[in-house]
Amino acid sequence: MNKLQAMEVFVQVVDAGGFTRAAENMQLPKASVSTMIQALEGALAVKLLHRTTRQVSITADGAAYYERCLRILADVREAEESLSRTRLSPAGRLRVEAPTGIAGEVIVPALPDFFARYPDITLDLGCSDRPVDLIEEGVDCAVRGGHLSDSALIARRVGIVHFTTCAAPSYLNKHGRPQHPNELLQHRCVNYFSSKTGKTHEWDFTRAGERLQMPLPGQIALNDANTYMAAGLAGLGIMQMLNFTVLPYVADGRLETLLDDWTTDPFPVHVVYPQNRHLSAKVRVFVEWIAEVFSNHPGLRLKNAPPRPTPLQVAI
């Protein structure tokens, strides 16, 4: 039995909560995973996991051994990287998740630079607005917008996004332009709902110390940035969209900004990754790279709020 491999498999089974998911994450047959765990328990003469037909749970001895395994495996990886070219030229498969809008508008256009720097990294980029369980789904790190609720993750704040209230001319020509947020109650709005809770997000507005937060009427609610934008462009209602994604549509006349003297609450953007894990070189360089990309992006940088989108700004 390869003891280090068995430790890796054991950690994966605990993190994934079962043999099937761990086998998928490690690209091993489920039978091999089960056999290695049995051999490890035999060598240690200790039961590490409770198994039932429905779930796998860790024993008290298993929990103690799990913590030791994490430290040992981290030390081994660090020793290997310090003696290899990995530190200078990270290599391997990297699994990253990012929100649809940020992935398409910011990350993907910048990737030629990333691959030029790190040609030996293979990237699997998942693009979705749903919350992803990093450990269960075998994700190395994720870009997340909004306030974080998962305390089991290490987070680095890398940017901030602002929103613009806007609508298609086809909608405004038919229904008119609101002059105050309260007038939105008489309009149709394109709403956004959480993939995790199903709850529709409320809208917020601030001006000169006055703050409004309210649910708004609408015939449609979506949970994906691309389809949300498509609904607004189709004239289905007024929407609030990421500032920098609105720019080209304002420039070509497909969208018009509204309530320009009101602002909305900005959302922080973080890169998150599981704690109790050694931060590998490939994850480390990606986190540093994405922080650099965001710091150079006018719509995401932390320091100054970006200007509101206008055709003039785009022309410049």
C-alpha atoms as a PDB file:
ATOM      1  CA  MET A   1       0.000   0.000   0.000  1.00  0.00           C
ATOM      2  CA  ASN A   2       1.200   3.491  -0.916  1.00  0.00           C
ATOM      3  CA  LYS A   3       0.635   5.203   2.437  1.00  0.00           C
ATOM      4  CA  LEU A   4       0.729   8.767   1.072  1.00  0.00           C
ATOM      5  CA  GLN A   5      -1.745   7.923  -1.681  1.00  0.00           C
ATOM      6  CA  ALA A   6      -3.989   6.254   0.873  1.00  0.00           C
ATOM      7  CA  MET A   7      -3.850   9.423   3.005  1.00  0.00           C
ATOM      8  CA  GLU A   8      -4.790  11.518  -0.049  1.00  0.00           C
ATOM      9  CA  VAL A   9      -7.730   9.223  -0.768  1.00  0.00           C
ATOM     10  CA  PHE A  10      -8.869   9.294   2.868  1.00  0.00           C
ATOM     11  CA  VAL A  11      -8.820  13.124   2.922  1.00  0.00           C
ATOM     12  CA  GLN A  12     -10.769  13.231  -0.345  1.00  0.00           C
ATOM     13  CA  VAL A  13     -13.429  10.846   0.997  1.00  0.00           C
ATOM     14  CA  VAL A  14     -13.875  12.928   4.156  1.00  0.00           C
ATOM     15  CA  ASP A  15     -13.996  16.217   2.227  1.00  0.00           C
ATOM     16  CA  ALA A  16     -16.413  14.886  -0.387  1.00  0.00           C
ATOM     17  CA  GLY A  17     -18.583  13.055   2.146  1.00  0.00           C
ATOM     18  CA  GLY A  18     -18.542   9.789   0.259  1.00  0.00           C
ATOM     19  CA  PHE A  19     -16.634   7.302  -1.880  1.00  0.00           C
ATOM     20  CA  THR A  20     -18.378   8.055  -5.167  1.00  0.00           C
ATOM     21  CA  ARG A  21     -17.665  11.795  -5.184  1.00  0.00           C
ATOM     22  CA  ALA A  22     -14.093  11.249  -4.005  1.00  0.00           C
ATOM     23  CA  ALA A  23     -13.497   8.712  -6.781  1.00  0.00           C
ATOM     24  CA  GLU A  24     -14.833  11.186  -9.361  1.00  0.00           C
ATOM     25  CA  ASN A  25     -12.671  14.017  -8.027  1.00  0.00           C
ATOM     26  CA  MET A  26      -9.533  11.855  -8.091  1.00  0.00           C
ATOM     27  CA  GLN A  27     -10.489  10.124 -11.353  1.00  0.00           C
ATOM     28  CA  LEU A  28     -10.142   6.685  -9.750  1.00  0.00           C
ATOM     29  CA  PRO A  29     -12.483   3.667  -9.764  1.00  0.00           C
ATOM     30  CA  LYS A  30     -14.771   3.654  -6.735  1.00  0.00           C
ATOM     31  CA  ALA A  31     -13.631   0.118  -5.916  1.00  0.00           C
ATOM     32  CA  SER A  32     -10.000   1.276  -5.731  1.00  0.00           C
ATOM     33  CA  VAL A  33     -10.935   4.061  -3.323  1.00  0.00           C
ATOM     34  CA  SER A  34     -12.824   1.632  -1.096  1.00  0.00           C
ATOM     35  CA  THR A  35      -9.966  -0.884  -1.184  1.00  0.00           C
ATOM     36  CA  MET A  36      -7.369   1.735  -0.192  1.00  0.00           C
ATOM     37  CA  ILE A  37      -9.467   2.911   2.748  1.00  0.00           C
ATOM     38  CA  GLN A  38      -9.921  -0.672   3.953  1.00  0.00           C
ATOM     39  CA  ALA A  39      -6.180  -1.311   3.632  1.00  0.00           C
ATOM     40  CA  LEU A  40      -5.419   1.894   5.542  1.00  0.00           C
ATOM     41  CA  GLU A  41      -7.793   0.943   8.358  1.00  0.00           C
ATOM     42  CA  GLY A  42      -6.215  -2.523   8.450  1.00  0.00           C
ATOM     43  CA  ALA A  43      -2.696  -1.109   8.671  1.00  0.00           C
ATOM     44  CA  LEU A  44      -3.701   1.291  11.438  1.00  0.00           C
ATOM     45  CA  ALA A  45      -5.953  -1.259  13.204  1.00  0.00           C
ATOM     46  CA  VAL A  46      -8.475   1.568  13.632  1.00  0.00           C
ATOM     47  CA  LYS A  47     -11.872   2.239  12.109  1.00  0.00           C
ATOM     48  CA  LEU A  48     -11.669   5.610  10.367  1.00  0.00           C
ATOM     49  CA  LEU A  49     -15.119   5.836   8.786  1.00  0.00           C
ATOM     50  CA  HIS A  50     -18.671   4.772   9.582  1.00  0.00           C
ATOM     51  CA  ARG A  51     -20.371   3.432   6.451  1.00  0.00           C
ATOM     52  CA  THR A  52     -24.083   3.019   5.809  1.00  0.00           C
ATOM     53  CA  THR A  53     -26.000   2.537   2.584  1.00  0.00           C
ATOM     54  CA  ARG A  54     -26.809   6.256   2.548  1.00  0.00           C
ATOM     55  CA  GLN A  55     -23.806   8.093   3.914  1.00  0.00           C
ATOM     56  CA  VAL A  56     -20.252   7.986   5.171  1.00  0.00           C
ATOM     57  CA  SER A  57     -19.261   9.714   8.423  1.00  0.00           C
ATOM     58  CA  ILE A  58     -15.944  10.045  10.210  1.00  0.00           C
ATOM     59  CA  THR A  59     -15.134   8.368  13.534  1.00  0.00           C
ATOM     60  CA  ALA A  60     -13.400  10.139  16.419  1.00  0.00           C
ATOM     61  CA  ASP A  61     -10.140   8.360  15.566  1.00  0.00           C
ATOM     62  CA  GLY A  62     -10.697   9.205  11.915  1.00  0.00           C
ATOM     63  CA  ALA A  63     -11.123  12.904  12.709  1.00  0.00           C
ATOM     64  CA  ALA A  64      -7.821  13.004  14.579  1.00  0.00           C
ATOM     65  CA  TYR A  65      -6.080  11.116  11.778  1.00  0.00           C
ATOM     66  CA  TYR A  66      -7.644  13.450   9.175  1.00  0.00           C
ATOM     67  CA  GLU A  67      -6.028  16.518  10.794  1.00  0.00           C
ATOM     68  CA  ARG A  68      -2.648  14.783  10.862  1.00  0.00           C
ATOM     69  CA  CYS A  69      -3.037  13.759   7.212  1.00  0.00           C
ATOM     70  CA  LEU A  70      -3.711  17.361   6.182  1.00  0.00           C
ATOM     71  CA  ARG A  71      -0.495  18.536   7.810  1.00  0.00           C
ATOM     72  CA  ILE A  72       1.599  15.655   6.461  1.00  0.00           C
ATOM     73  CA  LEU A  73       0.326  16.023   2.902  1.00  0.00           C
ATOM     74  CA  ALA A  74       0.851  19.790   3.003  1.00  0.00           C
ATOM     75  CA  ASP A  75       4.436  19.282   4.171  1.00  0.00           C
ATOM     76  CA  VAL A  76       5.088  16.738   1.430  1.00  0.00           C
ATOM     77  CA  ARG A  77       3.726  19.029  -1.293  1.00  0.00           C
ATOM     78  CA  GLU A  78       5.718  21.974   0.001  1.00  0.00           C
ATOM     79  CA  ALA A  79       8.911  19.879   0.030  1.00  0.00           C
ATOM     80  CA  GLU A  80       8.266  18.646  -3.512  1.00  0.00           C
ATOM     81  CA  GLU A  81       7.580  22.143  -4.836  1.00  0.00           C
ATOM     82  CA  SER A  82      10.646  23.614  -3.191  1.00  0.00           C
ATOM     83  CA  LEU A  83      12.832  21.057  -5.005  1.00  0.00           C
ATOM     84  CA  SER A  84      11.158  21.189  -8.388  1.00  0.00           C
ATOM     85  CA  ARG A  85      10.453  23.663 -11.140  1.00  0.00           C
ATOM     86  CA  THR A  86       6.868  23.946  -9.955  1.00  0.00           C
ATOM     87  CA  ARG A  87       7.677  27.000  -7.879  1.00  0.00           C
ATOM     88  CA  LEU A  88       9.053  28.776 -10.950  1.00  0.00           C
ATOM     89  CA  SER A  89       6.699  27.229 -13.487  1.00  0.00           C
ATOM     90  CA  PRO A  90       3.482  25.947 -11.867  1.00  0.00           C
ATOM     91  CA  ALA A  91       1.885  23.043 -13.678  1.00  0.00           C
ATOM     92  CA  GLY A  92      -1.222  20.889 -13.585  1.00  0.00           C
ATOM     93  CA  ARG A  93      -4.975  21.087 -13.853  1.00  0.00           C
ATOM     94  CA  LEU A  94      -6.614  24.037 -12.097  1.00  0.00           C
ATOM     95  CA  ARG A  95     -10.372  24.072 -11.444  1.00  0.00           C
ATOM     96  CA  VAL A  96     -11.858  27.558 -10.986  1.00  0.00           C
ATOM     97  CA  GLU A  97     -15.459  28.774 -10.690  1.00  0.00           C
ATOM     98  CA  ALA A  98     -16.561  32.344 -11.483  1.00  0.00           C
ATOM     99  CA  PRO A  99     -19.815  34.278 -11.975  1.00  0.00           C
ATOM    100  CA  THR A 100     -20.981  34.316 -15.584  1.00  0.00           C
ATOM    101  CA  GLY A 101     -20.642  38.072 -16.134  1.00  0.00           C
ATOM    102  CA  ILE A 102     -17.186  38.412 -14.614  1.00  0.00           C
ATOM    103  CA  ALA A 103     -15.947  35.249 -16.327  1.00  0.00           C
ATOM    104  CA  GLY A 104     -17.053  36.354 -19.790  1.00  0.00           C
ATOM    105  CA  GLU A 105     -16.302  40.059 -19.548  1.00  0.00           C
ATOM    106  CA  VAL A 106     -13.108  40.088 -17.465  1.00  0.00           C
ATOM    107  CA  ILE A 107     -11.406  36.736 -16.908  1.00  0.00           C
ATOM    108  CA  VAL A 108     -11.614  35.097 -20.341  1.00  0.00           C
ATOM    109  CA  PRO A 109     -10.352  38.150 -22.303  1.00  0.00           C
ATOM    110  CA  ALA A 110      -7.330  38.324 -19.958  1.00  0.00           C
ATOM    111  CA  LEU A 111      -6.464  34.603 -20.128  1.00  0.00           C
ATOM    112  CA  PRO A 112      -3.938  34.886 -22.993  1.00  0.00           C
ATOM    113  CA  ASP A 113      -1.709  36.766 -20.539  1.00  0.00           C
ATOM    114  CA  PHE A 114      -2.200  34.073 -17.867  1.00  0.00           C
ATOM    115  CA  PHE A 115      -1.286  31.237 -20.242  1.00  0.00           C
ATOM    116  CA  ALA A 116       1.696  33.178 -21.558  1.00  0.00           C
ATOM    117  CA  ARG A 117       2.996  33.389 -17.979  1.00  0.00           C
ATOM    118  CA  TYR A 118       2.049  29.843 -16.940  1.00  0.00           C
ATOM    119  CA  PRO A 119       1.964  27.627 -20.055  1.00  0.00           C
ATOM    120  CA  ASP A 120       2.005  24.385 -18.055  1.00  0.00           C
ATOM    121  CA  ILE A 121      -1.293  25.066 -16.252  1.00  0.00           C
ATOM    122  CA  THR A 122      -4.497  23.609 -17.687  1.00  0.00           C
ATOM    123  CA  LEU A 123      -7.564  25.574 -16.622  1.00  0.00           C
ATOM    124  CA  ASP A 124     -11.095  24.262 -16.117  1.00  0.00           C
ATOM    125  CA  LEU A 125     -13.191  27.428 -15.756  1.00  0.00           C
ATOM    126  CA  GLY A 126     -16.757  26.869 -14.593  1.00  0.00           C
ATOM    127  CA  CYS A 127     -19.019  29.820 -15.383  1.00  0.00           C
ATOM    128  CA  SER A 128     -22.173  29.956 -13.292  1.00  0.00           C
ATOM    129  CA  ASP A 129     -24.047  32.276 -10.949  1.00  0.00           C
ATOM    130  CA  ARG A 130     -24.985  29.424  -8.623  1.00  0.00           C
ATOM    131  CA  PRO A 131     -23.065  28.987  -5.350  1.00  0.00           C
ATOM    132  CA  VAL A 132     -20.607  26.090  -5.669  1.00  0.00           C
ATOM    133  CA  ASP A 133     -19.446  23.831  -2.834  1.00  0.00           C
ATOM    134  CA  LEU A 134     -15.694  23.949  -3.448  1.00  0.00           C
ATOM    135  CA  ILE A 135     -14.824  20.884  -1.386  1.00  0.00           C
ATOM    136  CA  GLU A 136     -17.668  18.658  -2.545  1.00  0.00           C
ATOM    137  CA  GLU A 137     -17.181  19.534  -6.213  1.00  0.00           C
ATOM    138  CA  GLY A 138     -13.379  19.442  -6.216  1.00  0.00           C
ATOM    139  CA  VAL A 139     -12.886  23.141  -7.043  1.00  0.00           C
ATOM    140  CA  ASP A 140      -9.506  24.704  -6.282  1.00  0.00           C
ATOM    141  CA  CYS A 141     -10.731  28.282  -5.936  1.00  0.00           C
ATOM    142  CA  ALA A 142     -13.633  30.502  -6.904  1.00  0.00           C
ATOM    143  CA  VAL A 143     -14.345  34.138  -7.687  1.00  0.00           C
ATOM    144  CA  ARG A 144     -17.412  35.280  -5.757  1.00  0.00           C
ATOM    145  CA  GLY A 145     -19.360  38.519  -5.748  1.00  0.00           C
ATOM    146  CA  GLY A 146     -21.366  39.757  -2.778  1.00  0.00           C
ATOM    147  CA  HIS A 147     -21.006  39.244   0.937  1.00  0.00           C
ATOM    148  CA  LEU A 148     -19.579  35.901   2.006  1.00  0.00           C
ATOM    149  CA  SER A 149     -21.378  33.539   4.370  1.00  0.00           C
ATOM    150  CA  ASP A 150     -19.166  30.426   4.238  1.00  0.00           C
ATOM    151  CA  SER A 151     -16.680  30.747   7.113  1.00  0.00           C
ATOM    152  CA  ALA A 152     -14.982  27.486   6.065  1.00  0.00           C
ATOM    153  CA  LEU A 153     -13.239  29.310   3.208  1.00  0.00           C
ATOM    154  CA  ILE A 154     -10.203  31.546   3.042  1.00  0.00           C
ATOM    155  CA  ALA A 155     -11.128  34.766   1.230  1.00  0.00           C
ATOM    156  CA  ARG A 156      -9.058  37.482  -0.401  1.00  0.00           C
ATOM    157  CA  ARG A 157     -10.884  40.625  -1.447  1.00  0.00           C
ATOM    158  CA  VAL A 158      -9.734  41.543  -4.951  1.00  0.00           C
ATOM    159  CA  GLY A 159     -12.312  43.969  -6.297  1.00  0.00           C
ATOM    160  CA  ILE A 160     -15.661  45.667  -6.057  1.00  0.00           C
ATOM    161  CA  VAL A 161     -18.535  45.903  -8.557  1.00  0.00           C
ATOM    162  CA  HIS A 162     -21.058  48.683  -9.027  1.00  0.00           C
ATOM    163  CA  PHE A 163     -24.475  48.538 -10.659  1.00  0.00           C
ATOM    164  CA  THR A 164     -26.326  50.739 -13.132  1.00  0.00           C
ATOM    165  CA  THR A 165     -30.102  51.022 -13.470  1.00  0.00           C
ATOM    166  CA  CYS A 166     -31.037  50.856 -17.146  1.00  0.00           C
ATOM    167  CA  ALA A 167     -33.591  49.718 -19.703  1.00  0.00           C
ATOM    168  CA  ALA A 168     -33.990  49.199 -23.432  1.00  0.00           C
ATOM    169  CA  PRO A 169     -35.417  52.104 -25.506  1.00  0.00           C
ATOM    170  CA  SER A 170     -38.263  49.813 -26.606  1.00  0.00           C
ATOM    171  CA  TYR A 171     -39.425  49.550 -23.003  1.00  0.00           C
ATOM    172  CA  LEU A 172     -38.967  53.238 -22.206  1.00  0.00           C
ATOM    173  CA  ASN A 173     -40.789  54.385 -25.339  1.00  0.00           C
ATOM    174  CA  LYS A 174     -43.780  52.325 -24.281  1.00  0.00           C
ATOM    175  CA  HIS A 175     -43.802  52.861 -20.505  1.00  0.00           C
ATOM    176  CA  GLY A 176     -41.907  56.112 -19.922  1.00  0.00           C
ATOM    177  CA  ARG A 177     -38.831  56.966 -17.817  1.00  0.00           C
ATOM    178  CA  PRO A 178     -39.016  56.868 -14.010  1.00  0.00           C
ATOM    179  CA  GLN A 179     -37.698  60.020 -12.314  1.00  0.00           C
ATOM    180  CA  HIS A 180     -37.578  58.586  -8.775  1.00  0.00           C
ATOM    181  CA  PRO A 181     -37.057  55.024  -7.473  1.00  0.00           C
ATOM    182  CA  ASN A 182     -40.588  55.028  -6.002  1.00  0.00           C
ATOM    183  CA  GLU A 183     -41.944  55.296  -9.549  1.00  0.00           C
ATOM    184  CA  LEU A 184     -40.469  51.862 -10.285  1.00  0.00           C
ATOM    185  CA  LEU A 185     -43.442  50.428  -8.374  1.00  0.00           C
ATOM    186  CA  GLN A 186     -45.564  51.345 -11.400  1.00  0.00           C
ATOM    187  CA  HIS A 187     -43.098  49.769 -13.829  1.00  0.00           C
ATOM    188  CA  ARG A 188     -42.045  46.282 -14.804  1.00  0.00           C
ATOM    189  CA  CYS A 189     -38.618  45.291 -13.521  1.00  0.00           C
ATOM    190  CA  VAL A 190     -36.368  42.377 -14.410  1.00  0.00           C
ATOM    191  CA  ASN A 191     -35.639  40.692 -11.096  1.00  0.00           C
ATOM    192  CA  TYR A 192     -32.784  38.438 -10.036  1.00  0.00           C
ATOM    193  CA  PHE A 193     -33.253  35.490  -7.673  1.00  0.00           C
ATOM    194  CA  SER A 194     -30.784  33.434  -5.659  1.00  0.00           C
ATOM    195  CA  SER A 195     -29.982  29.965  -7.007  1.00  0.00           C
ATOM    196  CA  LYS A 196     -29.373  28.844  -3.430  1.00  0.00           C
ATOM    197  CA  THR A 197     -32.441  30.201  -1.615  1.00  0.00           C
ATOM    198  CA  GLY A 198     -34.835  31.066  -4.442  1.00  0.00           C
ATOM    199  CA  LYS A 199     -35.317  34.497  -2.854  1.00  0.00           C
ATOM    200  CA  THR A 200     -35.699  37.477  -5.179  1.00  0.00           C
ATOM    201  CA  HIS A 201     -33.142  40.202  -4.509  1.00  0.00           C
ATOM    202  CA  GLU A 202     -34.405  43.569  -3.329  1.00  0.00           C
ATOM    203  CA  TRP A 203     -33.392  46.781  -5.087  1.00  0.00           C
ATOM    204  CA  ASP A 204     -31.583  49.577  -3.258  1.00  0.00           C
ATOM    205  CA  PHE A 205     -30.972  53.252  -4.025  1.00  0.00           C
ATOM    206  CA  THR A 206     -29.038  55.997  -2.204  1.00  0.00           C
ATOM    207  CA  ARG A 207     -28.883  59.757  -2.783  1.00  0.00           C
ATOM    208  CA  ALA A 208     -27.651  62.526  -0.468  1.00  0.00           C
ATOM    209  CA  GLY A 209     -28.214  60.477   2.659  1.00  0.00           C
ATOM    210  CA  GLU A 210     -31.611  59.142   1.545  1.00  0.00           C
ATOM    211  CA  ARG A 211     -31.748  55.356   1.190  1.00  0.00           C
ATOM    212  CA  LEU A 212     -34.490  53.160  -0.258  1.00  0.00           C
ATOM    213  CA  GLN A 213     -34.620  49.349  -0.304  1.00  0.00           C
ATOM    214  CA  MET A 214     -37.594  47.507  -1.717  1.00  0.00           C
ATOM    215  CA  PRO A 215     -38.855  44.580  -3.770  1.00  0.00           C
ATOM    216  CA  LEU A 216     -40.090  45.650  -7.197  1.00  0.00           C
ATOM    217  CA  PRO A 217     -42.777  44.210  -9.480  1.00  0.00           C
ATOM    218  CA  GLY A 218     -41.821  42.231 -12.555  1.00  0.00           C
ATOM    219  CA  GLN A 219     -43.082  39.475 -14.817  1.00  0.00           C
ATOM    220  CA  ILE A 220     -39.757  37.655 -14.925  1.00  0.00           C
ATOM    221  CA  ALA A 221     -36.937  36.781 -12.520  1.00  0.00           C
ATOM    222  CA  LEU A 222     -33.676  35.098 -13.546  1.00  0.00           C
ATOM    223  CA  ASN A 223     -30.558  33.715 -11.896  1.00  0.00           C
ATOM    224  CA  ASP A 224     -27.969  34.017 -14.653  1.00  0.00           C
ATOM    225  CA  ALA A 225     -26.192  37.197 -15.742  1.00  0.00           C
ATOM    226  CA  ASN A 226     -26.362  36.467 -19.487  1.00  0.00           C
ATOM    227  CA  THR A 227     -30.085  35.726 -19.553  1.00  0.00           C
ATOM    228  CA  TYR A 228     -30.694  38.668 -17.202  1.00  0.00           C
ATOM    229  CA  MET A 229     -29.031  40.986 -19.705  1.00  0.00           C
ATOM    230  CA  ALA A 230     -30.942  39.355 -22.577  1.00  0.00           C
ATOM    231  CA  ALA A 231     -34.240  40.018 -20.786  1.00  0.00           C
ATOM    232  CA  GLY A 232     -33.397  43.697 -20.375  1.00  0.00           C
ATOM    233  CA  LEU A 233     -32.315  44.052 -24.001  1.00  0.00           C
ATOM    234  CA  ALA A 234     -35.578  42.403 -25.090  1.00  0.00           C
ATOM    235  CA  GLY A 235     -37.530  45.199 -23.408  1.00  0.00           C
ATOM    236  CA  LEU A 236     -38.999  43.043 -20.644  1.00  0.00           C
ATOM    237  CA  GLY A 237     -38.394  45.730 -18.029  1.00  0.00           C
ATOM    238  CA  ILE A 238     -35.969  47.896 -16.085  1.00  0.00           C
ATOM    239  CA  MET A 239     -32.886  46.161 -14.701  1.00  0.00           C
ATOM    240  CA  GLN A 240     -29.811  46.747 -12.553  1.00  0.00           C
ATOM    241  CA  MET A 241     -26.688  45.395 -14.221  1.00  0.00           C
ATOM    242  CA  LEU A 242     -22.943  45.388 -13.599  1.00  0.00           C
ATOM    243  CA  ASN A 243     -21.613  48.824 -14.485  1.00  0.00           C
ATOM    244  CA  PHE A 244     -18.891  47.729 -16.871  1.00  0.00           C
ATOM    245  CA  THR A 245     -21.105  45.263 -18.759  1.00  0.00           C
ATOM    246  CA  VAL A 246     -23.602  48.034 -19.554  1.00  0.00           C
ATOM    247  CA  LEU A 247     -21.005  50.242 -21.301  1.00  0.00           C
ATOM    248  CA  PRO A 248     -21.109  48.774 -24.834  1.00  0.00           C
ATOM    249  CA  TYR A 249     -24.908  48.592 -24.872  1.00  0.00           C
ATOM    250  CA  VAL A 250     -25.216  52.239 -23.836  1.00  0.00           C
ATOM    251  CA  ALA A 251     -22.648  53.155 -26.484  1.00  0.00           C
ATOM    252  CA  ASP A 252     -24.625  51.561 -29.333  1.00  0.00           C
ATOM    253  CA  GLY A 253     -28.009  52.741 -28.062  1.00  0.00           C
ATOM    254  CA  ARG A 254     -29.446  49.377 -27.037  1.00  0.00           C
ATOM    255  CA  LEU A 255     -29.701  50.489 -23.381  1.00  0.00           C
ATOM    256  CA  GLU A 256     -30.306  53.813 -21.651  1.00  0.00           C
ATOM    257  CA  THR A 257     -29.273  54.592 -18.076  1.00  0.00           C
ATOM    258  CA  LEU A 258     -31.901  55.690 -15.535  1.00  0.00           C
ATOM    259  CA  LEU A 259     -31.945  57.438 -12.154  1.00  0.00           C
ATOM    260  CA  ASP A 260     -28.383  58.641 -12.726  1.00  0.00           C
ATOM    261  CA  ASP A 261     -28.383  60.770  -9.560  1.00  0.00           C
ATOM    262  CA  TRP A 262     -28.972  57.656  -7.421  1.00  0.00           C
ATOM    263  CA  THR A 263     -26.361  55.028  -6.558  1.00  0.00           C
ATOM    264  CA  THR A 264     -26.735  51.367  -5.573  1.00  0.00           C
ATOM    265  CA  ASP A 265     -24.826  49.359  -2.983  1.00  0.00           C
ATOM    266  CA  PRO A 266     -21.565  48.020  -4.461  1.00  0.00           C
ATOM    267  CA  PHE A 267     -20.706  44.340  -4.097  1.00  0.00           C
ATOM    268  CA  PRO A 268     -17.266  43.161  -2.973  1.00  0.00           C
ATOM    269  CA  VAL A 269     -15.523  40.514  -5.070  1.00  0.00           C
ATOM    270  CA  HIS A 270     -13.377  37.836  -3.418  1.00  0.00           C
ATOM    271  CA  VAL A 271     -11.254  34.898  -4.460  1.00  0.00           C
ATOM    272  CA  VAL A 272     -11.983  32.035  -2.066  1.00  0.00           C
ATOM    273  CA  TYR A 273     -10.401  28.642  -1.478  1.00  0.00           C
ATOM    274  CA  PRO A 274     -10.775  25.917   1.184  1.00  0.00           C
ATOM    275  CA  GLN A 275      -8.949  26.334   4.466  1.00  0.00           C
ATOM    276  CA  ASN A 276      -6.900  23.508   6.023  1.00  0.00           C
ATOM    277  CA  ARG A 277      -5.392  22.965   2.602  1.00  0.00           C
ATOM    278  CA  HIS A 278      -1.902  23.693   1.348  1.00  0.00           C
ATOM    279  CA  LEU A 279      -2.119  26.557  -1.148  1.00  0.00           C
ATOM    280  CA  SER A 280      -0.439  24.988  -4.170  1.00  0.00           C
ATOM    281  CA  ALA A 281       1.706  27.023  -6.534  1.00  0.00           C
ATOM    282  CA  LYS A 282      -0.882  26.905  -9.329  1.00  0.00           C
ATOM    283  CA  VAL A 283      -3.630  28.245  -7.048  1.00  0.00           C
ATOM    284  CA  ARG A 284      -1.304  30.858  -5.583  1.00  0.00           C
ATOM    285  CA  VAL A 285      -0.288  32.264  -8.974  1.00  0.00           C
ATOM    286  CA  PHE A 286      -3.907  32.327 -10.169  1.00  0.00           C
ATOM    287  CA  VAL A 287      -5.019  34.250  -7.085  1.00  0.00           C
ATOM    288  CA  GLU A 288      -2.190  36.761  -7.556  1.00  0.00           C
ATOM    289  CA  TRP A 289      -2.952  37.065 -11.267  1.00  0.00           C
ATOM    290  CA  ILE A 290      -6.693  37.627 -10.809  1.00  0.00           C
ATOM    291  CA  ALA A 291      -5.983  40.269  -8.161  1.00  0.00           C
ATOM    292  CA  GLU A 292      -3.727  42.028 -10.671  1.00  0.00           C
ATOM    293  CA  VAL A 293      -6.357  41.805 -13.430  1.00  0.00           C
ATOM    294  CA  PHE A 294      -9.035  43.292 -11.183  1.00  0.00           C
ATOM    295  CA  SER A 295      -6.729  46.056  -9.923  1.00  0.00           C
ATOM    296  CA  ASN A 296      -6.200  47.167 -13.542  1.00  0.00           C
ATOM    297  CA  HIS A 297      -9.895  47.016 -14.484  1.00  0.00           C
ATOM    298  CA  PRO A 298     -11.746  50.366 -14.129  1.00  0.00           C
ATOM    299  CA  GLY A 299     -14.997  48.627 -13.260  1.00  0.00           C
ATOM    300  CA  LEU A 300     -13.575  46.350 -10.572  1.00  0.00           C
ATOM    301  CA  ARG A 301     -10.660  48.063  -8.859  1.00  0.00           C
ATOM    302  CA  LEU A 302     -11.052  48.541  -5.131  1.00  0.00           C
ATOM    303  CA  LYS A 303     -10.067  52.176  -4.700  1.00  0.00           C
ATOM    304  CA  ASN A 304     -12.306  54.459  -6.726  1.00  0.00           C
ATOM    305  CA  ALA A 305     -15.857  53.902  -7.893  1.00  0.00           C
ATOM    306  CA  PRO A 306     -15.986  53.783 -11.703  1.00  0.00           C
ATOM    307  CA  PRO A 307     -17.804  56.550 -13.558  1.00  0.00           C
ATOM    308  CA  ARG A 308     -21.345  55.919 -14.715  1.00  0.00           C
ATOM    309  CA  PRO A 309     -21.517  54.524 -18.255  1.00  0.00           C
ATOM    310  CA  THR A 310     -22.229  57.031 -21.024  1.00  0.00           C
ATOM    311  CA  PRO A 311     -21.674  56.895 -24.800  1.00  0.00           C
ATOM    312  CA  LEU A 312     -19.049  59.655 -24.452  1.00  0.00           C
ATOM    313  CA  GLN A 313     -16.955  57.616 -22.038  1.00  0.00           C
ATOM    314  CA  VAL A 314     -16.980  54.639 -24.366  1.00  0.00           C
ATOM    315  CA  ALA A 315     -15.945  56.767 -27.318  1.00  0.00           C
ATOM    316  CA  ILE A 316     -12.987  58.088 -25.352  1.00  0.00           C
END
